[in-house]
Amino acid sequence: MRILVTGGAGFIGSHLVDAFLDRGDEVTVVDIASEERSVRLNAGAALHRVSVTDAEALTAVVRAARPEVICHLAAQIDVRISVTDPAADAMTNVIGTINVLTAAQEVSARVLFASTGGALYGLDAKIPSPEELLPVPEAPYGTAKYCAEQYIGLFNRLHGGAHSALRLGNVYGPRQDPTGEAGVVSIFCGRALEGERPTVYGDGAQTRDYVYVGDVVAAFLAAADAARPGIWNIGTGRETSVLDLVEVIGRISGAPVEPVFAPARPGELPRSALDVARASRDLNWQAATSMTDGVARVHAWIRDGANPRAPR
């Protein structure tokens, strides 16, 4: 197939580009990547440094590439930034998605949208949370992702499309910046390897559904091949607390990790896990990587130099 990946030089996107190229697909990437980030990108993909908020430039790339599938991963991903600047968050995550959908319509491409499961379902959601639950997000980030999903459904109804949304859990794996502000697994592994104490916000009892990047890539491939509309949770279905994660990293490191505690941050949920039965049924997909194995791969990746072209 001809594939276009927005955010294809990012952490998840670069792994996804590799997977499509490995199976023989033709891949075009739209990303405003810096030189530092672009080194993640496979040389076999054509990179266009275009923002999804630039409708005219995005449409020109889509017209030229004529993709059959657009995997839309370009996003503002920091919950805290969304709280302090919700308009900028909405510009990327809502308007950017509308621009992608509009461009896709011109070439009859299907859009697979990387939504969020971890920030969508709300404080009182059933755990694990099924897709049927009414989302009640606690931060602008989750609100914008849900709004983008509504536009996906609208474009399907208005134009007979087959666009889909994958609601991702907390994705982790090699190529996730261990010095950044997002990606707790990479950050904590990096701190442990430096002999530093990681910072835990709140009491550490808060839970997330941590899903390995290779499993997320497999879900996107399955959804691309399914050629049908849908909304699917992509996670493990299991809760892991921050303190559980600290304990796993300590075992892998061979020495206990002693965190520093700080006040909880606004807009973050106390519990989250995703019901993945629908993805198993519709896509024949389920996560295959255990938390211990996945964290061990991240730990080894950072220990060995954090190669930006690390395999899945």
C-alpha atoms as a PDB file:
ATOM      1  CA  MET A   1       0.000   0.000   0.000  1.00  0.00           C
ATOM      2  CA  ARG A   2       0.887   3.660  -0.202  1.00  0.00           C
ATOM      3  CA  ILE A   3       1.047   4.956   3.375  1.00  0.00           C
ATOM      4  CA  LEU A   4       1.429   8.457   4.781  1.00  0.00           C
ATOM      5  CA  VAL A   5       2.396   8.846   8.447  1.00  0.00           C
ATOM      6  CA  THR A   6       2.016  12.197  10.179  1.00  0.00           C
ATOM      7  CA  GLY A   7       4.420  12.424  13.096  1.00  0.00           C
ATOM      8  CA  GLY A   8       6.459   9.707  11.421  1.00  0.00           C
ATOM      9  CA  ALA A   9       9.763  10.909  12.889  1.00  0.00           C
ATOM     10  CA  GLY A  10       8.403  10.631  16.413  1.00  0.00           C
ATOM     11  CA  PHE A  11       8.776   7.835  18.930  1.00  0.00           C
ATOM     12  CA  ILE A  12       5.801   5.702  17.853  1.00  0.00           C
ATOM     13  CA  GLY A  13       5.682   7.022  14.300  1.00  0.00           C
ATOM     14  CA  SER A  14       9.262   6.064  13.442  1.00  0.00           C
ATOM     15  CA  HIS A  15       8.651   2.481  14.560  1.00  0.00           C
ATOM     16  CA  LEU A  16       5.463   2.418  12.495  1.00  0.00           C
ATOM     17  CA  VAL A  17       7.284   3.716   9.409  1.00  0.00           C
ATOM     18  CA  ASP A  18       9.856   0.932   9.801  1.00  0.00           C
ATOM     19  CA  ALA A  19       7.137  -1.702  10.010  1.00  0.00           C
ATOM     20  CA  PHE A  20       5.382  -0.519   6.854  1.00  0.00           C
ATOM     21  CA  LEU A  21       8.667  -0.344   4.950  1.00  0.00           C
ATOM     22  CA  ASP A  22       9.674  -3.800   6.203  1.00  0.00           C
ATOM     23  CA  ARG A  23       6.598  -5.321   4.645  1.00  0.00           C
ATOM     24  CA  GLY A  24       7.110  -3.518   1.327  1.00  0.00           C
ATOM     25  CA  ASP A  25       4.754  -0.552   1.587  1.00  0.00           C
ATOM     26  CA  GLU A  26       5.579   2.856   0.105  1.00  0.00           C
ATOM     27  CA  VAL A  27       5.815   5.412   2.936  1.00  0.00           C
ATOM     28  CA  THR A  28       5.646   9.198   3.019  1.00  0.00           C
ATOM     29  CA  VAL A  29       6.204  11.097   6.290  1.00  0.00           C
ATOM     30  CA  VAL A  30       4.821  14.470   7.339  1.00  0.00           C
ATOM     31  CA  ASP A  31       6.624  15.805  10.416  1.00  0.00           C
ATOM     32  CA  ILE A  32       8.058  19.104  11.650  1.00  0.00           C
ATOM     33  CA  ALA A  33      10.962  17.110  13.068  1.00  0.00           C
ATOM     34  CA  SER A  34      14.138  18.773  14.181  1.00  0.00           C
ATOM     35  CA  GLU A  35      17.418  17.381  12.893  1.00  0.00           C
ATOM     36  CA  GLU A  36      17.824  15.608  16.235  1.00  0.00           C
ATOM     37  CA  ARG A  37      14.464  13.846  15.938  1.00  0.00           C
ATOM     38  CA  SER A  38      14.693  13.131  12.218  1.00  0.00           C
ATOM     39  CA  VAL A  39      17.573  10.700  12.784  1.00  0.00           C
ATOM     40  CA  ARG A  40      14.960   8.227  14.022  1.00  0.00           C
ATOM     41  CA  LEU A  41      13.481   8.124  10.541  1.00  0.00           C
ATOM     42  CA  ASN A  42      14.185   5.306   8.101  1.00  0.00           C
ATOM     43  CA  ALA A  43      15.980   6.541   4.977  1.00  0.00           C
ATOM     44  CA  GLY A  44      13.458   4.643   2.870  1.00  0.00           C
ATOM     45  CA  ALA A  45      10.683   7.104   3.752  1.00  0.00           C
ATOM     46  CA  ALA A  46      10.217  10.473   2.051  1.00  0.00           C
ATOM     47  CA  LEU A  47      10.141  13.223   4.720  1.00  0.00           C
ATOM     48  CA  HIS A  48       8.169  16.444   4.256  1.00  0.00           C
ATOM     49  CA  ARG A  49       8.725  19.022   7.010  1.00  0.00           C
ATOM     50  CA  VAL A  50       5.141  20.235   7.105  1.00  0.00           C
ATOM     51  CA  SER A  51       2.840  20.916  10.049  1.00  0.00           C
ATOM     52  CA  VAL A  52      -0.625  19.392  10.101  1.00  0.00           C
ATOM     53  CA  THR A  53      -1.869  22.847  11.101  1.00  0.00           C
ATOM     54  CA  ASP A  54      -0.814  24.129   7.639  1.00  0.00           C
ATOM     55  CA  ALA A  55      -3.774  22.891   5.607  1.00  0.00           C
ATOM     56  CA  GLU A  56      -2.494  24.071   2.224  1.00  0.00           C
ATOM     57  CA  ALA A  57       0.973  22.536   2.549  1.00  0.00           C
ATOM     58  CA  LEU A  58      -0.424  19.305   4.015  1.00  0.00           C
ATOM     59  CA  THR A  59      -2.934  18.926   1.193  1.00  0.00           C
ATOM     60  CA  ALA A  60      -0.197  19.450  -1.398  1.00  0.00           C
ATOM     61  CA  VAL A  61       1.842  16.592   0.091  1.00  0.00           C
ATOM     62  CA  VAL A  62      -1.191  14.301   0.234  1.00  0.00           C
ATOM     63  CA  ARG A  63      -2.132  15.071  -3.374  1.00  0.00           C
ATOM     64  CA  ALA A  64       1.392  14.244  -4.534  1.00  0.00           C
ATOM     65  CA  ALA A  65       1.767  11.052  -2.476  1.00  0.00           C
ATOM     66  CA  ARG A  66      -1.808   9.808  -3.011  1.00  0.00           C
ATOM     67  CA  PRO A  67      -1.764   7.495   0.027  1.00  0.00           C
ATOM     68  CA  GLU A  68      -4.339   4.797   0.508  1.00  0.00           C
ATOM     69  CA  VAL A  69      -3.963   5.024   4.290  1.00  0.00           C
ATOM     70  CA  ILE A  70      -2.940   7.979   6.462  1.00  0.00           C
ATOM     71  CA  CYS A  71      -1.758   7.116   9.969  1.00  0.00           C
ATOM     72  CA  HIS A  72      -2.237  10.346  11.893  1.00  0.00           C
ATOM     73  CA  LEU A  73       0.141  10.466  14.862  1.00  0.00           C
ATOM     74  CA  ALA A  74       1.255  14.112  14.775  1.00  0.00           C
ATOM     75  CA  ALA A  75       0.040  15.677  18.019  1.00  0.00           C
ATOM     76  CA  GLN A  76       0.647  17.868  21.021  1.00  0.00           C
ATOM     77  CA  ILE A  77       1.080  15.085  23.607  1.00  0.00           C
ATOM     78  CA  ASP A  78       1.861  16.806  26.907  1.00  0.00           C
ATOM     79  CA  VAL A  79      -1.124  16.922  29.281  1.00  0.00           C
ATOM     80  CA  ARG A  80       0.477  19.718  31.301  1.00  0.00           C
ATOM     81  CA  ILE A  81       0.972  21.924  28.239  1.00  0.00           C
ATOM     82  CA  SER A  82      -2.668  21.339  27.320  1.00  0.00           C
ATOM     83  CA  VAL A  83      -3.697  22.643  30.751  1.00  0.00           C
ATOM     84  CA  THR A  84      -1.586  25.796  30.484  1.00  0.00           C
ATOM     85  CA  ASP A  85      -2.297  26.461  26.779  1.00  0.00           C
ATOM     86  CA  PRO A  86      -5.502  24.680  25.699  1.00  0.00           C
ATOM     87  CA  ALA A  87      -5.857  26.773  22.532  1.00  0.00           C
ATOM     88  CA  ALA A  88      -2.481  25.640  21.187  1.00  0.00           C
ATOM     89  CA  ASP A  89      -3.334  22.056  22.110  1.00  0.00           C
ATOM     90  CA  ALA A  90      -6.629  22.283  20.208  1.00  0.00           C
ATOM     91  CA  MET A  91      -4.937  23.885  17.206  1.00  0.00           C
ATOM     92  CA  THR A  92      -2.731  20.829  16.732  1.00  0.00           C
ATOM     93  CA  ASN A  93      -4.983  18.055  17.996  1.00  0.00           C
ATOM     94  CA  VAL A  94      -8.352  19.247  16.646  1.00  0.00           C
ATOM     95  CA  ILE A  95      -7.674  21.584  13.705  1.00  0.00           C
ATOM     96  CA  GLY A  96      -4.718  19.459  12.632  1.00  0.00           C
ATOM     97  CA  THR A  97      -6.948  16.369  12.534  1.00  0.00           C
ATOM     98  CA  ILE A  98      -9.618  18.199  10.519  1.00  0.00           C
ATOM     99  CA  ASN A  99      -6.917  19.212   8.040  1.00  0.00           C
ATOM    100  CA  VAL A 100      -5.772  15.590   7.746  1.00  0.00           C
ATOM    101  CA  LEU A 101      -9.347  14.380   7.192  1.00  0.00           C
ATOM    102  CA  THR A 102      -9.992  17.060   4.567  1.00  0.00           C
ATOM    103  CA  ALA A 103      -6.785  16.237   2.697  1.00  0.00           C
ATOM    104  CA  ALA A 104      -7.550  12.506   2.904  1.00  0.00           C
ATOM    105  CA  GLN A 105     -10.948  13.075   1.336  1.00  0.00           C
ATOM    106  CA  GLU A 106      -9.327  14.493  -1.795  1.00  0.00           C
ATOM    107  CA  VAL A 107      -7.524  11.207  -2.513  1.00  0.00           C
ATOM    108  CA  SER A 108     -10.049   8.810  -0.899  1.00  0.00           C
ATOM    109  CA  ALA A 109      -7.563   7.762   1.768  1.00  0.00           C
ATOM    110  CA  ARG A 110      -8.532   6.085   5.041  1.00  0.00           C
ATOM    111  CA  VAL A 111      -7.312   7.782   8.230  1.00  0.00           C
ATOM    112  CA  LEU A 112      -6.117   5.825  11.280  1.00  0.00           C
ATOM    113  CA  PHE A 113      -6.040   8.307  14.146  1.00  0.00           C
ATOM    114  CA  ALA A 114      -3.821   7.875  17.204  1.00  0.00           C
ATOM    115  CA  SER A 115      -6.206   8.874  19.979  1.00  0.00           C
ATOM    116  CA  THR A 116      -5.789   8.425  23.716  1.00  0.00           C
ATOM    117  CA  GLY A 117      -7.254   5.879  26.062  1.00  0.00           C
ATOM    118  CA  GLY A 118      -5.324   6.940  29.138  1.00  0.00           C
ATOM    119  CA  ALA A 119      -6.612  10.538  29.156  1.00  0.00           C
ATOM    120  CA  LEU A 120     -10.137   9.992  27.851  1.00  0.00           C
ATOM    121  CA  TYR A 121     -12.412   8.025  30.149  1.00  0.00           C
ATOM    122  CA  GLY A 122     -12.447  10.131  33.306  1.00  0.00           C
ATOM    123  CA  LEU A 123     -12.249   9.827  37.065  1.00  0.00           C
ATOM    124  CA  ASP A 124     -15.210   7.527  37.652  1.00  0.00           C
ATOM    125  CA  ALA A 125     -14.713   5.237  34.664  1.00  0.00           C
ATOM    126  CA  LYS A 126     -15.057   1.483  34.970  1.00  0.00           C
ATOM    127  CA  ILE A 127     -11.635  -0.232  35.065  1.00  0.00           C
ATOM    128  CA  PRO A 128     -10.671  -1.607  32.618  1.00  0.00           C
ATOM    129  CA  SER A 129     -12.550   0.949  30.498  1.00  0.00           C
ATOM    130  CA  PRO A 130     -14.467  -0.247  27.401  1.00  0.00           C
ATOM    131  CA  GLU A 131     -14.968   1.922  24.322  1.00  0.00           C
ATOM    132  CA  GLU A 132     -18.711   2.199  25.040  1.00  0.00           C
ATOM    133  CA  LEU A 133     -18.106   4.433  28.066  1.00  0.00           C
ATOM    134  CA  LEU A 134     -18.928   8.105  27.603  1.00  0.00           C
ATOM    135  CA  PRO A 135     -15.579   9.919  27.770  1.00  0.00           C
ATOM    136  CA  VAL A 136     -15.277  12.517  30.528  1.00  0.00           C
ATOM    137  CA  PRO A 137     -11.684  13.746  30.131  1.00  0.00           C
ATOM    138  CA  GLU A 138     -10.036  15.685  32.949  1.00  0.00           C
ATOM    139  CA  ALA A 139      -7.648  17.757  30.793  1.00  0.00           C
ATOM    140  CA  PRO A 140      -7.775  19.714  27.525  1.00  0.00           C
ATOM    141  CA  TYR A 141      -5.552  17.082  25.887  1.00  0.00           C
ATOM    142  CA  GLY A 142      -8.145  14.334  26.314  1.00  0.00           C
ATOM    143  CA  THR A 143     -10.951  16.720  25.357  1.00  0.00           C
ATOM    144  CA  ALA A 144      -9.172  17.631  22.108  1.00  0.00           C
ATOM    145  CA  LYS A 145      -8.538  13.992  21.227  1.00  0.00           C
ATOM    146  CA  TYR A 146     -12.204  13.159  21.836  1.00  0.00           C
ATOM    147  CA  CYS A 147     -13.256  16.135  19.717  1.00  0.00           C
ATOM    148  CA  ALA A 148     -10.996  14.877  16.929  1.00  0.00           C
ATOM    149  CA  GLU A 149     -12.680  11.469  17.184  1.00  0.00           C
ATOM    150  CA  GLN A 150     -16.044  13.173  16.728  1.00  0.00           C
ATOM    151  CA  TYR A 151     -14.819  14.741  13.491  1.00  0.00           C
ATOM    152  CA  ILE A 152     -13.654  11.321  12.320  1.00  0.00           C
ATOM    153  CA  GLY A 153     -17.168   9.965  12.891  1.00  0.00           C
ATOM    154  CA  LEU A 154     -18.673  13.024  11.191  1.00  0.00           C
ATOM    155  CA  PHE A 155     -16.499  12.621   8.094  1.00  0.00           C
ATOM    156  CA  ASN A 156     -17.484   8.947   7.949  1.00  0.00           C
ATOM    157  CA  ARG A 157     -21.182   9.886   8.038  1.00  0.00           C
ATOM    158  CA  LEU A 158     -20.924  12.842   5.651  1.00  0.00           C
ATOM    159  CA  HIS A 159     -18.623  11.289   3.091  1.00  0.00           C
ATOM    160  CA  GLY A 160     -18.998   7.527   3.495  1.00  0.00           C
ATOM    161  CA  GLY A 161     -15.471   7.149   4.853  1.00  0.00           C
ATOM    162  CA  ALA A 162     -13.878   4.268   6.763  1.00  0.00           C
ATOM    163  CA  HIS A 163     -11.707   6.286   9.142  1.00  0.00           C
ATOM    164  CA  SER A 164     -10.796   4.785  12.527  1.00  0.00           C
ATOM    165  CA  ALA A 165      -9.391   5.753  15.918  1.00  0.00           C
ATOM    166  CA  LEU A 166      -6.987   3.754  18.055  1.00  0.00           C
ATOM    167  CA  ARG A 167      -7.180   4.775  21.713  1.00  0.00           C
ATOM    168  CA  LEU A 168      -3.676   4.137  22.962  1.00  0.00           C
ATOM    169  CA  GLY A 169      -2.650   3.355  26.508  1.00  0.00           C
ATOM    170  CA  ASN A 170       0.647   4.664  27.892  1.00  0.00           C
ATOM    171  CA  VAL A 171       3.037   3.651  25.137  1.00  0.00           C
ATOM    172  CA  TYR A 172       6.694   2.993  25.985  1.00  0.00           C
ATOM    173  CA  GLY A 173       9.738   1.504  24.306  1.00  0.00           C
ATOM    174  CA  PRO A 174      13.097   2.279  22.665  1.00  0.00           C
ATOM    175  CA  ARG A 175      13.421   5.716  20.975  1.00  0.00           C
ATOM    176  CA  GLN A 176      11.339   7.424  23.682  1.00  0.00           C
ATOM    177  CA  ASP A 177      13.463  10.272  25.021  1.00  0.00           C
ATOM    178  CA  PRO A 178      14.806   9.395  28.503  1.00  0.00           C
ATOM    179  CA  THR A 179      15.625  13.069  29.150  1.00  0.00           C
ATOM    180  CA  GLY A 180      12.224  14.445  28.125  1.00  0.00           C
ATOM    181  CA  GLU A 181       9.110  15.372  30.069  1.00  0.00           C
ATOM    182  CA  ALA A 182       6.895  12.553  28.784  1.00  0.00           C
ATOM    183  CA  GLY A 183       7.433   8.802  28.876  1.00  0.00           C
ATOM    184  CA  VAL A 184       7.835   7.711  32.458  1.00  0.00           C
ATOM    185  CA  VAL A 185       9.390   4.323  31.647  1.00  0.00           C
ATOM    186  CA  SER A 186      12.279   5.829  29.667  1.00  0.00           C
ATOM    187  CA  ILE A 187      12.731   8.664  32.147  1.00  0.00           C
ATOM    188  CA  PHE A 188      12.835   6.351  35.180  1.00  0.00           C
ATOM    189  CA  CYS A 189      15.179   3.881  33.456  1.00  0.00           C
ATOM    190  CA  GLY A 190      17.477   6.759  32.526  1.00  0.00           C
ATOM    191  CA  ARG A 191      17.525   8.059  36.092  1.00  0.00           C
ATOM    192  CA  ALA A 192      18.237   4.601  37.473  1.00  0.00           C
ATOM    193  CA  LEU A 193      21.170   4.131  35.093  1.00  0.00           C
ATOM    194  CA  GLU A 194      22.564   7.520  36.141  1.00  0.00           C
ATOM    195  CA  GLY A 195      22.247   6.592  39.813  1.00  0.00           C
ATOM    196  CA  GLU A 196      19.642   9.330  40.304  1.00  0.00           C
ATOM    197  CA  ARG A 197      16.289   9.186  42.086  1.00  0.00           C
ATOM    198  CA  PRO A 198      13.221   9.514  39.825  1.00  0.00           C
ATOM    199  CA  THR A 199      10.446  11.931  40.768  1.00  0.00           C
ATOM    200  CA  VAL A 200       7.027  10.410  41.513  1.00  0.00           C
ATOM    201  CA  TYR A 201       4.154  12.894  41.400  1.00  0.00           C
ATOM    202  CA  GLY A 202       1.509  12.070  43.988  1.00  0.00           C
ATOM    203  CA  ASP A 203       1.729   8.971  46.163  1.00  0.00           C
ATOM    204  CA  GLY A 204       2.743   6.574  43.379  1.00  0.00           C
ATOM    205  CA  ALA A 205      -0.431   4.527  43.684  1.00  0.00           C
ATOM    206  CA  GLN A 206      -1.845   5.969  40.460  1.00  0.00           C
ATOM    207  CA  THR A 207      -2.109   3.348  37.726  1.00  0.00           C
ATOM    208  CA  ARG A 208      -1.683   3.302  33.959  1.00  0.00           C
ATOM    209  CA  ASP A 209      -2.005   0.757  31.172  1.00  0.00           C
ATOM    210  CA  TYR A 210       1.568   0.583  29.874  1.00  0.00           C
ATOM    211  CA  VAL A 211       1.707  -0.921  26.370  1.00  0.00           C
ATOM    212  CA  TYR A 212       4.897  -1.683  24.466  1.00  0.00           C
ATOM    213  CA  VAL A 213       5.524   0.207  21.227  1.00  0.00           C
ATOM    214  CA  GLY A 214       5.954  -2.963  19.136  1.00  0.00           C
ATOM    215  CA  ASP A 215       2.472  -4.072  20.171  1.00  0.00           C
ATOM    216  CA  VAL A 216       1.036  -0.670  19.238  1.00  0.00           C
ATOM    217  CA  VAL A 217       2.680  -0.895  15.813  1.00  0.00           C
ATOM    218  CA  ALA A 218       1.101  -4.324  15.320  1.00  0.00           C
ATOM    219  CA  ALA A 219      -2.311  -2.806  16.128  1.00  0.00           C
ATOM    220  CA  PHE A 220      -1.866  -0.097  13.505  1.00  0.00           C
ATOM    221  CA  LEU A 221      -0.870  -2.675  10.890  1.00  0.00           C
ATOM    222  CA  ALA A 222      -3.928  -4.755  11.743  1.00  0.00           C
ATOM    223  CA  ALA A 223      -6.206  -1.712  11.512  1.00  0.00           C
ATOM    224  CA  ALA A 224      -4.640  -0.676   8.185  1.00  0.00           C
ATOM    225  CA  ASP A 225      -5.344  -4.115   6.760  1.00  0.00           C
ATOM    226  CA  ALA A 226      -8.855  -4.329   8.226  1.00  0.00           C
ATOM    227  CA  ALA A 227     -10.146  -1.557   5.925  1.00  0.00           C
ATOM    228  CA  ARG A 228     -13.105  -0.801   8.190  1.00  0.00           C
ATOM    229  CA  PRO A 229     -14.143   2.033  10.495  1.00  0.00           C
ATOM    230  CA  GLY A 230     -13.918   1.538  14.230  1.00  0.00           C
ATOM    231  CA  ILE A 231     -12.743   2.779  17.605  1.00  0.00           C
ATOM    232  CA  TRP A 232     -10.396   0.422  19.415  1.00  0.00           C
ATOM    233  CA  ASN A 233      -8.625   0.514  22.760  1.00  0.00           C
ATOM    234  CA  ILE A 234      -4.974  -0.490  22.398  1.00  0.00           C
ATOM    235  CA  GLY A 235      -3.459  -1.537  25.708  1.00  0.00           C
ATOM    236  CA  THR A 236      -2.908  -4.557  27.904  1.00  0.00           C
ATOM    237  CA  GLY A 237      -6.066  -4.409  30.004  1.00  0.00           C
ATOM    238  CA  ARG A 238      -3.933  -4.350  33.164  1.00  0.00           C
ATOM    239  CA  GLU A 239      -3.219  -1.627  35.726  1.00  0.00           C
ATOM    240  CA  THR A 240       0.369  -0.961  36.756  1.00  0.00           C
ATOM    241  CA  SER A 241       1.051   1.595  39.456  1.00  0.00           C
ATOM    242  CA  VAL A 242       3.973   4.002  39.331  1.00  0.00           C
ATOM    243  CA  LEU A 243       5.448   2.268  42.377  1.00  0.00           C
ATOM    244  CA  ASP A 244       5.034  -1.107  40.627  1.00  0.00           C
ATOM    245  CA  LEU A 245       7.011   0.335  37.719  1.00  0.00           C
ATOM    246  CA  VAL A 246       9.714   1.585  40.080  1.00  0.00           C
ATOM    247  CA  GLU A 247       9.955  -1.915  41.566  1.00  0.00           C
ATOM    248  CA  VAL A 248      10.286  -3.525  38.113  1.00  0.00           C
ATOM    249  CA  ILE A 249      13.061  -1.097  37.145  1.00  0.00           C
ATOM    250  CA  GLY A 250      14.848  -1.815  40.420  1.00  0.00           C
ATOM    251  CA  ARG A 251      14.800  -5.562  39.722  1.00  0.00           C
ATOM    252  CA  ILE A 252      16.107  -5.052  36.195  1.00  0.00           C
ATOM    253  CA  SER A 253      18.784  -2.611  37.388  1.00  0.00           C
ATOM    254  CA  GLY A 254      19.913  -4.935  40.154  1.00  0.00           C
ATOM    255  CA  ALA A 255      19.478  -2.313  42.884  1.00  0.00           C
ATOM    256  CA  PRO A 256      16.415  -0.767  44.562  1.00  0.00           C
ATOM    257  CA  VAL A 257      15.198   2.516  43.078  1.00  0.00           C
ATOM    258  CA  GLU A 258      14.231   5.093  45.714  1.00  0.00           C
ATOM    259  CA  PRO A 259      11.943   7.767  44.244  1.00  0.00           C
ATOM    260  CA  VAL A 260      11.504  11.381  45.320  1.00  0.00           C
ATOM    261  CA  PHE A 261       7.858  12.302  45.909  1.00  0.00           C
ATOM    262  CA  ALA A 262       6.326  15.565  44.683  1.00  0.00           C
ATOM    263  CA  PRO A 263       2.755  16.964  44.638  1.00  0.00           C
ATOM    264  CA  ALA A 264       0.312  15.411  42.197  1.00  0.00           C
ATOM    265  CA  ARG A 265      -0.102  17.273  38.905  1.00  0.00           C
ATOM    266  CA  PRO A 266      -3.457  18.714  37.748  1.00  0.00           C
ATOM    267  CA  GLY A 267      -5.400  16.930  35.029  1.00  0.00           C
ATOM    268  CA  GLU A 268      -3.930  13.465  35.641  1.00  0.00           C
ATOM    269  CA  LEU A 269      -6.140  10.475  36.493  1.00  0.00           C
ATOM    270  CA  PRO A 270      -5.620   8.306  39.587  1.00  0.00           C
ATOM    271  CA  ARG A 271      -6.398   5.072  37.673  1.00  0.00           C
ATOM    272  CA  SER A 272      -6.424   3.937  34.064  1.00  0.00           C
ATOM    273  CA  ALA A 273      -6.589   0.627  32.183  1.00  0.00           C
ATOM    274  CA  LEU A 274      -8.226  -0.245  28.877  1.00  0.00           C
ATOM    275  CA  ASP A 275     -10.617  -3.036  27.974  1.00  0.00           C
ATOM    276  CA  VAL A 276      -9.131  -4.500  24.777  1.00  0.00           C
ATOM    277  CA  ALA A 277     -11.763  -7.131  23.962  1.00  0.00           C
ATOM    278  CA  ARG A 278     -13.026  -5.226  20.916  1.00  0.00           C
ATOM    279  CA  ALA A 279      -9.563  -5.003  19.332  1.00  0.00           C
ATOM    280  CA  SER A 280      -9.076  -8.711  19.964  1.00  0.00           C
ATOM    281  CA  ARG A 281     -12.392  -9.488  18.268  1.00  0.00           C
ATOM    282  CA  ASP A 282     -12.263  -7.034  15.341  1.00  0.00           C
ATOM    283  CA  LEU A 283      -8.534  -6.920  14.598  1.00  0.00           C
ATOM    284  CA  ASN A 284      -7.345 -10.258  15.987  1.00  0.00           C
ATOM    285  CA  TRP A 285      -4.891  -8.204  18.036  1.00  0.00           C
ATOM    286  CA  GLN A 286      -3.661  -8.290  21.598  1.00  0.00           C
ATOM    287  CA  ALA A 287      -0.541  -7.068  23.359  1.00  0.00           C
ATOM    288  CA  ALA A 288       2.173  -9.725  23.456  1.00  0.00           C
ATOM    289  CA  THR A 289       4.955  -8.028  25.457  1.00  0.00           C
ATOM    290  CA  SER A 290       5.058  -8.346  29.242  1.00  0.00           C
ATOM    291  CA  MET A 291       5.879  -5.341  31.395  1.00  0.00           C
ATOM    292  CA  THR A 292       9.111  -6.957  32.585  1.00  0.00           C
ATOM    293  CA  ASP A 293      10.291  -7.770  29.062  1.00  0.00           C
ATOM    294  CA  GLY A 294       9.346  -4.361  27.690  1.00  0.00           C
ATOM    295  CA  VAL A 295      11.007  -2.400  30.486  1.00  0.00           C
ATOM    296  CA  ALA A 296      14.108  -4.594  30.188  1.00  0.00           C
ATOM    297  CA  ARG A 297      14.361  -3.648  26.491  1.00  0.00           C
ATOM    298  CA  VAL A 298      14.100   0.050  27.321  1.00  0.00           C
ATOM    299  CA  HIS A 299      16.681  -0.284  30.107  1.00  0.00           C
ATOM    300  CA  ALA A 300      19.108  -2.106  27.776  1.00  0.00           C
ATOM    301  CA  TRP A 301      18.521   0.452  25.013  1.00  0.00           C
ATOM    302  CA  ILE A 302      19.451   3.379  27.271  1.00  0.00           C
ATOM    303  CA  ARG A 303      22.354   1.466  28.834  1.00  0.00           C
ATOM    304  CA  ASP A 304      23.777   0.710  25.379  1.00  0.00           C
ATOM    305  CA  GLY A 305      23.664   4.309  24.160  1.00  0.00           C
ATOM    306  CA  ALA A 306      20.023   5.050  23.208  1.00  0.00           C
ATOM    307  CA  ASN A 307      20.461   4.438  19.482  1.00  0.00           C
ATOM    308  CA  PRO A 308      17.751   6.503  17.706  1.00  0.00           C
ATOM    309  CA  ARG A 309      17.392   3.716  15.132  1.00  0.00           C
ATOM    310  CA  ALA A 310      16.865   0.987  17.730  1.00  0.00           C
ATOM    311  CA  PRO A 311      14.655  -1.913  16.590  1.00  0.00           C
ATOM    312  CA  ARG A 312      11.223  -2.575  18.018  1.00  0.00           C
END
